[in-house]
Amino acid sequence: MKINTVIFIILLFAYLFLVQEVKAENIYFNNDTYVLKSGRFSHINKGYENEYFPESDEKDNWNKMIGIYYFPEIKDPIKFAQNADKEIETKTTVLLLKFIANKKQNKAVLSFLDSGEIDGKAYFEHNIYKYEPHSDKGMMILRYAKRYFASNNDDAKRIAKEIKKINDDLMEQIIISPMPLIVEKEID
C-alpha cells in the first residue's frame, strides 16, 4: 500500500511538471484567438521566435499571425526600429504607414504595408511591430500581421481604405498589449 502511494505521488508530480513544461497560453488579440504553432531558436538573433496563428491557419499558409521574438543581444529597441524604418523606406514593394518612438520607455512601434504573391495570387500584408526592452536582457518584438488578397484594382483600393481606417486602432492595441512570454522550445 505504501509503495503504491509513493509511486502515485511520484507520477503525479511528473505529470504536473510535464504538463506545465509544454503548455503555452493562447493569445487573444482584436477579437481573435491565436494558437502557438511555431517555435524555433534563431541562430542569427540568438534567441527564440514564436509564431501564433488562428486555429484554421497553418504556419506555411496563413492570413493572420502574431509573432513574439526575443533578441537577447539587441540593447536599443528604438535604434533597432529606426534601422528597420530606414530599410523599409528603401524597398519598392513596401509602404511605411507610421513610426512612433517613446524614448522615455525605450519602446517603438512601426506599421507598414508589404506586397507579395502566393500561388499566383497577389496580396498585401499589413504589419505592425512593437519593439521594447526585455526585463532581463535584450529586446522583445511583438508582431501582428494580416494578409489581404486582391484580385483586381477595386479590391486593392478597398483594402487600402480598410487598412488606413484600422491602422491607428491596431497600433494602439499593440502598444497597450502586454508582451507575451517567449516559449523556449522547438515547435513545428
Protein backbone atom coordinates (compact mmCIF):
# COMPACT_ATOMS: atom_id res chain seq x y z
CA MET A 1 0.00 0.00 0.00
CA LYS A 2 2.81 2.45 0.88
CA ILE A 3 4.65 1.65 -2.35
CA ASN A 4 1.52 2.35 -4.43
CA THR A 5 1.02 5.68 -2.69
CA VAL A 6 4.66 6.70 -3.23
CA ILE A 7 4.52 5.69 -6.90
CA PHE A 8 1.24 7.58 -7.31
CA ILE A 9 2.75 10.76 -5.80
CA ILE A 10 5.86 10.50 -7.99
CA LEU A 11 3.75 10.01 -11.12
CA LEU A 12 1.50 12.91 -10.14
CA PHE A 13 4.48 15.27 -9.74
CA ALA A 14 5.98 14.05 -13.03
CA TYR A 15 2.67 14.62 -14.80
CA LEU A 16 2.23 18.12 -13.39
CA PHE A 17 5.81 19.04 -14.31
CA LEU A 18 5.42 17.81 -17.90
CA VAL A 19 2.04 19.49 -18.38
CA GLN A 20 3.45 22.85 -17.26
CA GLU A 21 6.54 22.45 -19.44
CA VAL A 22 4.73 22.07 -22.78
CA LYS A 23 1.70 24.27 -22.33
CA ALA A 24 1.70 27.68 -23.98
CA GLU A 25 -1.08 30.18 -23.48
CA ASN A 26 -3.19 31.24 -26.43
CA ILE A 27 -3.06 34.90 -27.40
CA TYR A 28 -6.25 36.91 -27.70
CA PHE A 29 -5.98 39.98 -29.93
CA ASN A 30 -8.57 42.06 -31.75
CA ASN A 31 -11.38 39.52 -31.08
CA ASP A 32 -9.35 36.60 -32.44
CA THR A 33 -7.65 33.67 -30.71
CA TYR A 34 -4.13 32.73 -31.79
CA VAL A 35 -2.50 29.37 -31.07
CA LEU A 36 1.24 28.74 -30.84
CA LYS A 37 2.13 26.71 -33.95
CA SER A 38 5.80 27.55 -34.48
CA GLY A 39 8.70 27.94 -32.08
CA ARG A 40 12.34 27.94 -33.04
CA PHE A 41 15.74 29.12 -31.93
CA SER A 42 17.20 31.70 -34.30
CA HIS A 43 20.94 31.31 -34.69
CA ILE A 44 21.08 34.74 -36.35
CA ASN A 45 19.39 36.57 -33.46
CA LYS A 46 20.49 34.07 -30.79
CA GLY A 47 17.00 34.00 -29.32
CA TYR A 48 13.65 32.24 -29.66
CA GLU A 49 10.92 33.11 -32.11
CA ASN A 50 7.29 32.11 -31.52
CA GLU A 51 4.51 32.45 -34.06
CA TYR A 52 0.82 32.16 -33.28
CA PHE A 53 -1.94 31.65 -35.83
CA PRO A 54 -5.71 31.29 -35.74
CA GLU A 55 -6.75 27.65 -35.33
CA SER A 56 -7.77 27.43 -39.01
CA ASP A 57 -4.45 28.81 -40.34
CA GLU A 58 -1.17 26.97 -40.75
CA LYS A 59 2.32 28.38 -40.32
CA ASP A 60 3.03 27.96 -44.04
CA ASN A 61 -0.39 29.17 -45.22
CA TRP A 62 -1.82 31.92 -43.06
CA ASN A 63 -3.99 35.00 -43.22
CA LYS A 64 -3.28 36.39 -39.72
CA MET A 65 -0.46 35.89 -37.26
CA ILE A 66 1.10 37.12 -34.04
CA GLY A 67 4.85 36.83 -33.62
CA ILE A 68 6.87 37.06 -30.41
CA TYR A 69 10.61 37.41 -30.96
CA TYR A 70 13.41 37.60 -28.39
CA PHE A 71 16.72 39.20 -29.42
CA PRO A 72 18.98 38.94 -26.34
CA GLU A 73 21.89 40.81 -27.92
CA ILE A 74 19.99 43.95 -29.00
CA LYS A 75 20.27 46.66 -26.36
CA ASP A 76 18.47 49.61 -28.00
CA PRO A 77 14.95 48.84 -29.31
CA ILE A 78 14.44 52.37 -30.68
CA LYS A 79 17.66 52.31 -32.69
CA PHE A 80 16.78 48.83 -33.99
CA ALA A 81 13.29 50.07 -35.01
CA GLN A 82 14.77 53.18 -36.67
CA ASN A 83 17.05 50.94 -38.74
CA ALA A 84 14.04 48.81 -39.73
CA ASP A 85 12.21 52.03 -40.67
CA LYS A 86 15.11 53.13 -42.92
CA GLU A 87 15.26 49.70 -44.55
CA ILE A 88 11.51 49.78 -45.26
CA GLU A 89 11.82 53.16 -46.94
CA THR A 90 14.37 51.77 -49.43
CA LYS A 91 12.14 48.91 -50.63
CA THR A 92 9.84 49.45 -53.60
CA THR A 93 7.24 46.84 -52.54
CA VAL A 94 6.83 48.22 -49.01
CA LEU A 95 4.95 51.31 -47.85
CA LEU A 96 5.71 52.79 -44.43
CA LEU A 97 2.49 53.73 -42.67
CA LYS A 98 3.64 55.05 -39.27
CA PHE A 99 6.59 55.07 -36.89
CA ILE A 100 6.25 56.04 -33.21
CA ALA A 101 9.06 56.07 -30.65
CA ASN A 102 8.83 56.62 -26.88
CA LYS A 103 12.35 57.48 -25.76
CA LYS A 104 11.47 57.56 -22.05
CA GLN A 105 10.31 53.93 -22.12
CA ASN A 106 12.76 52.89 -24.87
CA LYS A 107 9.90 51.49 -26.99
CA ALA A 108 8.90 51.90 -30.63
CA VAL A 109 6.03 50.86 -32.88
CA LEU A 110 6.23 50.56 -36.64
CA SER A 111 3.50 49.80 -39.17
CA PHE A 112 3.88 49.17 -42.86
CA LEU A 113 2.21 47.57 -45.85
CA ASP A 114 4.09 44.96 -47.87
CA SER A 115 3.03 43.24 -51.09
CA GLY A 116 3.71 39.80 -52.43
CA GLU A 117 2.35 36.79 -54.25
CA ILE A 118 1.42 33.27 -53.19
CA ASP A 119 0.40 30.63 -55.71
CA GLY A 120 -0.22 33.32 -58.33
CA LYS A 121 -2.44 35.37 -56.01
CA ALA A 122 -1.36 38.93 -55.19
CA TYR A 123 -1.67 40.06 -51.59
CA PHE A 124 -0.99 42.99 -49.30
CA GLU A 125 0.42 42.27 -45.86
CA HIS A 126 -0.32 44.75 -43.07
CA ASN A 127 2.39 44.54 -40.41
CA ILE A 128 2.68 46.19 -37.01
CA TYR A 129 5.79 45.67 -34.88
CA LYS A 130 6.31 46.74 -31.26
CA TYR A 131 9.90 46.86 -30.00
CA GLU A 132 10.63 47.04 -26.27
CA PRO A 133 13.36 46.08 -23.81
CA HIS A 134 13.30 42.60 -22.30
CA SER A 135 13.04 42.66 -18.50
CA ASP A 136 16.44 40.94 -18.09
CA LYS A 137 18.50 41.37 -21.23
CA GLY A 138 17.99 42.35 -24.84
CA MET A 139 14.81 43.19 -26.71
CA MET A 140 11.37 41.72 -27.36
CA ILE A 141 9.31 42.21 -30.51
CA LEU A 142 5.55 41.77 -30.78
CA ARG A 143 4.29 41.47 -34.36
CA TYR A 144 0.79 41.50 -35.79
CA ALA A 145 0.32 40.69 -39.48
CA LYS A 146 -2.71 40.20 -41.69
CA ARG A 147 -2.77 39.32 -45.38
CA TYR A 148 -5.36 40.73 -47.74
CA PHE A 149 -5.77 39.12 -51.16
CA ALA A 150 -6.67 41.34 -54.11
CA SER A 151 -7.89 40.05 -57.45
CA ASN A 152 -8.28 43.45 -59.14
CA ASN A 153 -7.72 47.20 -58.68
CA ASP A 154 -11.07 47.69 -56.94
CA ASP A 155 -10.07 45.07 -54.32
CA ALA A 156 -6.73 46.84 -53.86
CA LYS A 157 -8.44 50.22 -53.31
CA ARG A 158 -10.91 48.69 -50.84
CA ILE A 159 -8.05 47.02 -48.93
CA ALA A 160 -6.07 50.27 -48.82
CA LYS A 161 -9.06 52.14 -47.39
CA GLU A 162 -9.68 49.43 -44.78
CA ILE A 163 -6.05 49.40 -43.64
CA LYS A 164 -5.96 53.21 -43.47
CA LYS A 165 -9.12 53.13 -41.34
CA ILE A 166 -7.91 50.48 -38.84
CA ASN A 167 -4.13 51.06 -38.68
CA ASP A 168 -4.14 53.56 -35.79
CA ASP A 169 -6.56 51.46 -33.72
CA LEU A 170 -4.49 48.30 -34.21
CA MET A 171 -1.29 50.18 -33.36
CA GLU A 172 -2.90 51.42 -30.15
CA GLN A 173 -3.98 47.87 -29.27
CA ILE A 174 -0.41 46.62 -29.88
CA ILE A 175 1.03 49.46 -27.78
CA ILE A 176 -1.13 48.65 -24.75
CA SER A 177 -0.86 44.87 -25.15
CA PRO A 178 1.44 43.23 -22.62
CA MET A 179 4.36 41.35 -24.12
CA PRO A 180 3.58 37.61 -24.01
CA LEU A 181 6.20 35.32 -22.55
CA ILE A 182 8.52 33.64 -25.00
CA VAL A 183 8.31 29.84 -25.19
CA GLU A 184 11.84 28.47 -25.43
CA LYS A 185 11.03 25.26 -27.25
CA GLU A 186 11.21 23.93 -30.80
CA ILE A 187 7.65 23.59 -32.14
CA ASP A 188 6.69 22.66 -35.68
